[in-house]
Amino acid sequence: MNKSNKFSPEVRERAVRLVQEHRGEYPSLWAAVESIAPKIGCVPQTLLEWVKRAEVDAGARPGTTTAEA
């Protein structure tokens, strides 16, 4: 299945950075994602996947990194 990348890497990085910077202002990660996703123009589930991927790549969450895949 071929997924088109609607969002540039720069937009993804900015969105993830926004979540990480403002995470403490919300009662949960999901609440932060739900608040920020509409500002980026994506659905919360997409932004949550970007955040999880960034955490895996940074070593903050277990999983296979992008480089390993």
PDB file of N, CA and C in Angstrom:
ATOM      1  N   MET A   1       0.838  -1.170   0.000  1.00  0.00           N
ATOM      2  CA  MET A   1       0.000   0.000   0.000  1.00  0.00           C
ATOM      3  C   MET A   1       0.887   1.238   0.000  1.00  0.00           C
ATOM      4  N   ASN A   2       0.569   2.156  -0.860  1.00  0.00           N
ATOM      5  CA  ASN A   2       1.370   3.369  -0.993  1.00  0.00           C
ATOM      6  C   ASN A   2       0.663   4.522  -0.303  1.00  0.00           C
ATOM      7  N   LYS A   3       1.244   5.027   0.753  1.00  0.00           N
ATOM      8  CA  LYS A   3       0.664   6.169   1.465  1.00  0.00           C
ATOM      9  C   LYS A   3       1.358   7.432   0.997  1.00  0.00           C
ATOM     10  N   SER A   4       0.569   8.413   0.622  1.00  0.00           N
ATOM     11  CA  SER A   4       1.180   9.683   0.234  1.00  0.00           C
ATOM     12  C   SER A   4       1.529  10.455   1.504  1.00  0.00           C
ATOM     13  N   ASN A   5       2.624  11.147   1.459  1.00  0.00           N
ATOM     14  CA  ASN A   5       3.039  11.953   2.600  1.00  0.00           C
ATOM     15  C   ASN A   5       2.504  13.361   2.423  1.00  0.00           C
ATOM     16  N   LYS A   6       1.375  13.613   3.051  1.00  0.00           N
ATOM     17  CA  LYS A   6       0.721  14.909   2.940  1.00  0.00           C
ATOM     18  C   LYS A   6       1.505  15.984   3.684  1.00  0.00           C
ATOM     19  N   PHE A   7       2.233  15.565   4.719  1.00  0.00           N
ATOM     20  CA  PHE A   7       2.950  16.511   5.563  1.00  0.00           C
ATOM     21  C   PHE A   7       4.457  16.360   5.361  1.00  0.00           C
ATOM     22  N   SER A   8       5.123  17.479   5.208  1.00  0.00           N
ATOM     23  CA  SER A   8       6.568  17.459   5.024  1.00  0.00           C
ATOM     24  C   SER A   8       7.252  17.055   6.330  1.00  0.00           C
ATOM     25  N   PRO A   9       8.482  16.580   6.241  1.00  0.00           N
ATOM     26  CA  PRO A   9       9.224  16.242   7.464  1.00  0.00           C
ATOM     27  C   PRO A   9       9.340  17.426   8.414  1.00  0.00           C
ATOM     28  N   GLU A  10       9.427  18.629   7.874  1.00  0.00           N
ATOM     29  CA  GLU A  10       9.540  19.821   8.710  1.00  0.00           C
ATOM     30  C   GLU A  10       8.263  20.033   9.528  1.00  0.00           C
ATOM     31  N   VAL A  11       7.123  19.835   8.886  1.00  0.00           N
ATOM     32  CA  VAL A  11       5.840  19.993   9.585  1.00  0.00           C
ATOM     33  C   VAL A  11       5.704  18.928  10.664  1.00  0.00           C
ATOM     34  N   ARG A  12       6.084  17.709  10.341  1.00  0.00           N
ATOM     35  CA  ARG A  12       6.026  16.625  11.329  1.00  0.00           C
ATOM     36  C   ARG A  12       6.915  16.938  12.528  1.00  0.00           C
ATOM     37  N   GLU A  13       8.137  17.378  12.266  1.00  0.00           N
ATOM     38  CA  GLU A  13       9.065  17.706  13.356  1.00  0.00           C
ATOM     39  C   GLU A  13       8.518  18.836  14.220  1.00  0.00           C
ATOM     40  N   ARG A  14       7.953  19.840  13.591  1.00  0.00           N
ATOM     41  CA  ARG A  14       7.379  20.977  14.328  1.00  0.00           C
ATOM     42  C   ARG A  14       6.215  20.517  15.197  1.00  0.00           C
ATOM     43  N   ALA A  15       5.368  19.664  14.657  1.00  0.00           N
ATOM     44  CA  ALA A  15       4.210  19.169  15.393  1.00  0.00           C
ATOM     45  C   ALA A  15       4.652  18.352  16.605  1.00  0.00           C
ATOM     46  N   VAL A  16       5.619  17.482  16.410  1.00  0.00           N
ATOM     47  CA  VAL A  16       6.133  16.659  17.515  1.00  0.00           C
ATOM     48  C   VAL A  16       6.768  17.559  18.570  1.00  0.00           C
ATOM     49  N   ARG A  17       7.515  18.553  18.131  1.00  0.00           N
ATOM     50  CA  ARG A  17       8.161  19.483  19.063  1.00  0.00           C
ATOM     51  C   ARG A  17       7.108  20.248  19.878  1.00  0.00           C
ATOM     52  N   LEU A  18       6.030  20.671  19.231  1.00  0.00           N
ATOM     53  CA  LEU A  18       4.958  21.366  19.937  1.00  0.00           C
ATOM     54  C   LEU A  18       4.360  20.474  21.030  1.00  0.00           C
ATOM     55  N   VAL A  19       4.116  19.215  20.697  1.00  0.00           N
ATOM     56  CA  VAL A  19       3.559  18.291  21.689  1.00  0.00           C
ATOM     57  C   VAL A  19       4.530  18.135  22.844  1.00  0.00           C
ATOM     58  N   GLN A  20       5.800  17.931  22.539  1.00  0.00           N
ATOM     59  CA  GLN A  20       6.793  17.722  23.594  1.00  0.00           C
ATOM     60  C   GLN A  20       6.946  18.961  24.472  1.00  0.00           C
ATOM     61  N   GLU A  21       6.907  20.146  23.873  1.00  0.00           N
ATOM     62  CA  GLU A  21       7.081  21.380  24.634  1.00  0.00           C
ATOM     63  C   GLU A  21       5.884  21.689  25.523  1.00  0.00           C
ATOM     64  N   HIS A  22       4.682  21.317  25.092  1.00  0.00           N
ATOM     65  CA  HIS A  22       3.468  21.692  25.806  1.00  0.00           C
ATOM     66  C   HIS A  22       2.816  20.525  26.547  1.00  0.00           C
ATOM     67  N   ARG A  23       3.471  19.384  26.536  1.00  0.00           N
ATOM     68  CA  ARG A  23       2.917  18.173  27.155  1.00  0.00           C
ATOM     69  C   ARG A  23       2.564  18.381  28.625  1.00  0.00           C
ATOM     70  N   GLY A  24       3.385  19.115  29.346  1.00  0.00           N
ATOM     71  CA  GLY A  24       3.162  19.347  30.767  1.00  0.00           C
ATOM     72  C   GLY A  24       1.960  20.219  31.078  1.00  0.00           C
ATOM     73  N   GLU A  25       1.438  20.909  30.078  1.00  0.00           N
ATOM     74  CA  GLU A  25       0.287  21.786  30.274  1.00  0.00           C
ATOM     75  C   GLU A  25      -1.035  21.033  30.205  1.00  0.00           C
ATOM     76  N   TYR A  26      -0.986  19.747  29.872  1.00  0.00           N
ATOM     77  CA  TYR A  26      -2.176  18.929  29.693  1.00  0.00           C
ATOM     78  C   TYR A  26      -2.140  17.744  30.651  1.00  0.00           C
ATOM     79  N   PRO A  27      -3.314  17.204  30.991  1.00  0.00           N
ATOM     80  CA  PRO A  27      -3.350  16.082  31.936  1.00  0.00           C
ATOM     81  C   PRO A  27      -2.800  14.774  31.367  1.00  0.00           C
ATOM     82  N   SER A  28      -2.690  14.683  30.029  1.00  0.00           N
ATOM     83  CA  SER A  28      -2.174  13.454  29.420  1.00  0.00           C
ATOM     84  C   SER A  28      -1.561  13.776  28.061  1.00  0.00           C
ATOM     85  N   LEU A  29      -0.798  12.825  27.548  1.00  0.00           N
ATOM     86  CA  LEU A  29      -0.222  12.967  26.204  1.00  0.00           C
ATOM     87  C   LEU A  29      -1.350  13.104  25.188  1.00  0.00           C
ATOM     88  N   TRP A  30      -2.393  12.284  25.343  1.00  0.00           N
ATOM     89  CA  TRP A  30      -3.504  12.318  24.389  1.00  0.00           C
ATOM     90  C   TRP A  30      -4.181  13.693  24.378  1.00  0.00           C
ATOM     91  N   ALA A  31      -4.357  14.300  25.530  1.00  0.00           N
ATOM     92  CA  ALA A  31      -4.979  15.623  25.602  1.00  0.00           C
ATOM     93  C   ALA A  31      -4.131  16.647  24.849  1.00  0.00           C
ATOM     94  N   ALA A  32      -2.824  16.570  24.999  1.00  0.00           N
ATOM     95  CA  ALA A  32      -1.936  17.481  24.275  1.00  0.00           C
ATOM     96  C   ALA A  32      -2.048  17.259  22.776  1.00  0.00           C
ATOM     97  N   VAL A  33      -2.052  15.996  22.368  1.00  0.00           N
ATOM     98  CA  VAL A  33      -2.148  15.652  20.951  1.00  0.00           C
ATOM     99  C   VAL A  33      -3.477  16.146  20.375  1.00  0.00           C
ATOM    100  N   GLU A  34      -4.567  15.928  21.114  1.00  0.00           N
ATOM    101  CA  GLU A  34      -5.882  16.368  20.634  1.00  0.00           C
ATOM    102  C   GLU A  34      -5.954  17.885  20.464  1.00  0.00           C
ATOM    103  N   SER A  35      -5.269  18.613  21.308  1.00  0.00           N
ATOM    104  CA  SER A  35      -5.281  20.061  21.233  1.00  0.00           C
ATOM    105  C   SER A  35      -4.434  20.580  20.069  1.00  0.00           C
ATOM    106  N   ILE A  36      -3.301  19.947  19.829  1.00  0.00           N
ATOM    107  CA  ILE A  36      -2.341  20.445  18.843  1.00  0.00           C
ATOM    108  C   ILE A  36      -2.643  19.965  17.423  1.00  0.00           C
ATOM    109  N   ALA A  37      -3.182  18.764  17.268  1.00  0.00           N
ATOM    110  CA  ALA A  37      -3.417  18.195  15.934  1.00  0.00           C
ATOM    111  C   ALA A  37      -4.222  19.110  15.007  1.00  0.00           C
ATOM    112  N   PRO A  38      -5.329  19.703  15.466  1.00  0.00           N
ATOM    113  CA  PRO A  38      -6.079  20.578  14.552  1.00  0.00           C
ATOM    114  C   PRO A  38      -5.281  21.792  14.084  1.00  0.00           C
ATOM    115  N   LYS A  39      -4.360  22.253  14.901  1.00  0.00           N
ATOM    116  CA  LYS A  39      -3.540  23.400  14.524  1.00  0.00           C
ATOM    117  C   LYS A  39      -2.587  23.042  13.384  1.00  0.00           C
ATOM    118  N   ILE A  40      -2.202  21.764  13.328  1.00  0.00           N
ATOM    119  CA  ILE A  40      -1.306  21.286  12.280  1.00  0.00           C
ATOM    120  C   ILE A  40      -2.102  20.903  11.035  1.00  0.00           C
ATOM    121  N   GLY A  41      -3.353  20.486  11.263  1.00  0.00           N
ATOM    122  CA  GLY A  41      -4.197  20.064  10.144  1.00  0.00           C
ATOM    123  C   GLY A  41      -4.226  18.569   9.957  1.00  0.00           C
ATOM    124  N   CYS A  42      -3.963  17.826  11.022  1.00  0.00           N
ATOM    125  CA  CYS A  42      -4.016  16.372  10.939  1.00  0.00           C
ATOM    126  C   CYS A  42      -4.926  15.833  12.042  1.00  0.00           C
ATOM    127  N   VAL A  43      -5.238  14.551  11.953  1.00  0.00           N
ATOM    128  CA  VAL A  43      -6.066  13.934  12.992  1.00  0.00           C
ATOM    129  C   VAL A  43      -5.166  13.564  14.170  1.00  0.00           C
ATOM    130  N   PRO A  44      -5.712  13.520  15.375  1.00  0.00           N
ATOM    131  CA  PRO A  44      -4.898  13.219  16.555  1.00  0.00           C
ATOM    132  C   PRO A  44      -4.144  11.890  16.468  1.00  0.00           C
ATOM    133  N   GLN A  45      -4.756  10.874  15.873  1.00  0.00           N
ATOM    134  CA  GLN A  45      -4.095   9.570  15.773  1.00  0.00           C
ATOM    135  C   GLN A  45      -2.801   9.662  14.969  1.00  0.00           C
ATOM    136  N   THR A  46      -2.815  10.465  13.927  1.00  0.00           N
ATOM    137  CA  THR A  46      -1.611  10.647  13.106  1.00  0.00           C
ATOM    138  C   THR A  46      -0.509  11.325  13.910  1.00  0.00           C
ATOM    139  N   LEU A  47      -0.864  12.390  14.597  1.00  0.00           N
ATOM    140  CA  LEU A  47       0.128  13.107  15.398  1.00  0.00           C
ATOM    141  C   LEU A  47       0.672  12.219  16.508  1.00  0.00           C
ATOM    142  N   LEU A  48      -0.189  11.420  17.129  1.00  0.00           N
ATOM    143  CA  LEU A  48       0.266  10.512  18.184  1.00  0.00           C
ATOM    144  C   LEU A  48       1.289   9.520  17.634  1.00  0.00           C
ATOM    145  N   GLU A  49       1.061   9.007  16.443  1.00  0.00           N
ATOM    146  CA  GLU A  49       2.024   8.086  15.820  1.00  0.00           C
ATOM    147  C   GLU A  49       3.355   8.787  15.559  1.00  0.00           C
ATOM    148  N   TRP A  50       3.319  10.044  15.138  1.00  0.00           N
ATOM    149  CA  TRP A  50       4.558  10.807  14.915  1.00  0.00           C
ATOM    150  C   TRP A  50       5.313  10.972  16.227  1.00  0.00           C
ATOM    151  N   VAL A  51       4.582  11.282  17.295  1.00  0.00           N
ATOM    152  CA  VAL A  51       5.212  11.477  18.607  1.00  0.00           C
ATOM    153  C   VAL A  51       5.841  10.164  19.078  1.00  0.00           C
ATOM    154  N   LYS A  52       5.106   9.074  18.955  1.00  0.00           N
ATOM    155  CA  LYS A  52       5.638   7.764  19.370  1.00  0.00           C
ATOM    156  C   LYS A  52       6.884   7.407  18.566  1.00  0.00           C
ATOM    157  N   ARG A  53       6.867   7.647  17.257  1.00  0.00           N
ATOM    158  CA  ARG A  53       8.014   7.348  16.396  1.00  0.00           C
ATOM    159  C   ARG A  53       9.213   8.181  16.826  1.00  0.00           C
ATOM    160  N   ALA A  54       9.000   9.456  17.115  1.00  0.00           N
ATOM    161  CA  ALA A  54      10.095  10.329  17.552  1.00  0.00           C
ATOM    162  C   ALA A  54      10.671   9.844  18.875  1.00  0.00           C
ATOM    163  N   GLU A  55       9.808   9.370  19.785  1.00  0.00           N
ATOM    164  CA  GLU A  55      10.282   8.867  21.076  1.00  0.00           C
ATOM    165  C   GLU A  55      11.087   7.586  20.901  1.00  0.00           C
ATOM    166  N   VAL A  56      10.673   6.709  20.003  1.00  0.00           N
ATOM    167  CA  VAL A  56      11.436   5.487  19.721  1.00  0.00           C
ATOM    168  C   VAL A  56      12.794   5.862  19.136  1.00  0.00           C
ATOM    169  N   ASP A  57      12.785   6.778  18.164  1.00  0.00           N
ATOM    170  CA  ASP A  57      14.037   7.191  17.518  1.00  0.00           C
ATOM    171  C   ASP A  57      14.991   7.859  18.503  1.00  0.00           C
ATOM    172  N   ALA A  58      14.442   8.527  19.525  1.00  0.00           N
ATOM    173  CA  ALA A  58      15.272   9.197  20.529  1.00  0.00           C
ATOM    174  C   ALA A  58      15.696   8.248  21.647  1.00  0.00           C
ATOM    175  N   GLY A  59      15.171   7.036  21.635  1.00  0.00           N
ATOM    176  CA  GLY A  59      15.525   6.070  22.671  1.00  0.00           C
ATOM    177  C   GLY A  59      14.692   6.200  23.935  1.00  0.00           C
ATOM    178  N   ALA A  60      13.661   7.035  23.895  1.00  0.00           N
ATOM    179  CA  ALA A  60      12.821   7.250  25.079  1.00  0.00           C
ATOM    180  C   ALA A  60      11.698   6.229  25.173  1.00  0.00           C
ATOM    181  N   ARG A  61      11.478   5.467  24.113  1.00  0.00           N
ATOM    182  CA  ARG A  61      10.406   4.470  24.072  1.00  0.00           C
ATOM    183  C   ARG A  61      10.980   3.223  23.391  1.00  0.00           C
ATOM    184  N   PRO A  62      10.673   2.042  23.909  1.00  0.00           N
ATOM    185  CA  PRO A  62      11.199   0.826  23.265  1.00  0.00           C
ATOM    186  C   PRO A  62      10.567   0.627  21.889  1.00  0.00           C
ATOM    187  N   GLY A  63      11.352   0.035  21.001  1.00  0.00           N
ATOM    188  CA  GLY A  63      10.853  -0.254  19.657  1.00  0.00           C
ATOM    189  C   GLY A  63      11.970  -0.178  18.644  1.00  0.00           C
ATOM    190  N   THR A  64      11.627  -0.476  17.412  1.00  0.00           N
ATOM    191  CA  THR A  64      12.580  -0.436  16.307  1.00  0.00           C
ATOM    192  C   THR A  64      12.650   0.982  15.762  1.00  0.00           C
ATOM    193  N   THR A  65      13.835   1.528  15.745  1.00  0.00           N
ATOM    194  CA  THR A  65      13.992   2.898  15.272  1.00  0.00           C
ATOM    195  C   THR A  65      13.818   2.966  13.755  1.00  0.00           C
ATOM    196  N   THR A  66      13.619   4.162  13.263  1.00  0.00           N
ATOM    197  CA  THR A  66      13.494   4.376  11.826  1.00  0.00           C
ATOM    198  C   THR A  66      14.755   3.918  11.107  1.00  0.00           C
ATOM    199  N   ALA A  67      15.913   4.191  11.695  1.00  0.00           N
ATOM    200  CA  ALA A  67      17.182   3.800  11.071  1.00  0.00           C
ATOM    201  C   ALA A  67      17.328   2.286  10.991  1.00  0.00           C
ATOM    202  N   GLU A  68      16.844   1.573  12.024  1.00  0.00           N
ATOM    203  CA  GLU A  68      16.930   0.116  12.039  1.00  0.00           C
ATOM    204  C   GLU A  68      15.976  -0.514  11.030  1.00  0.00           C
ATOM    205  N   ALA A  69      14.854   0.134  10.822  1.00  0.00           N
ATOM    206  CA  ALA A  69      13.860  -0.401   9.874  1.00  0.00           C
ATOM    207  C   ALA A  69      14.328  -0.115   8.461  1.00  0.00           C
TER     208      ALA A  69
END
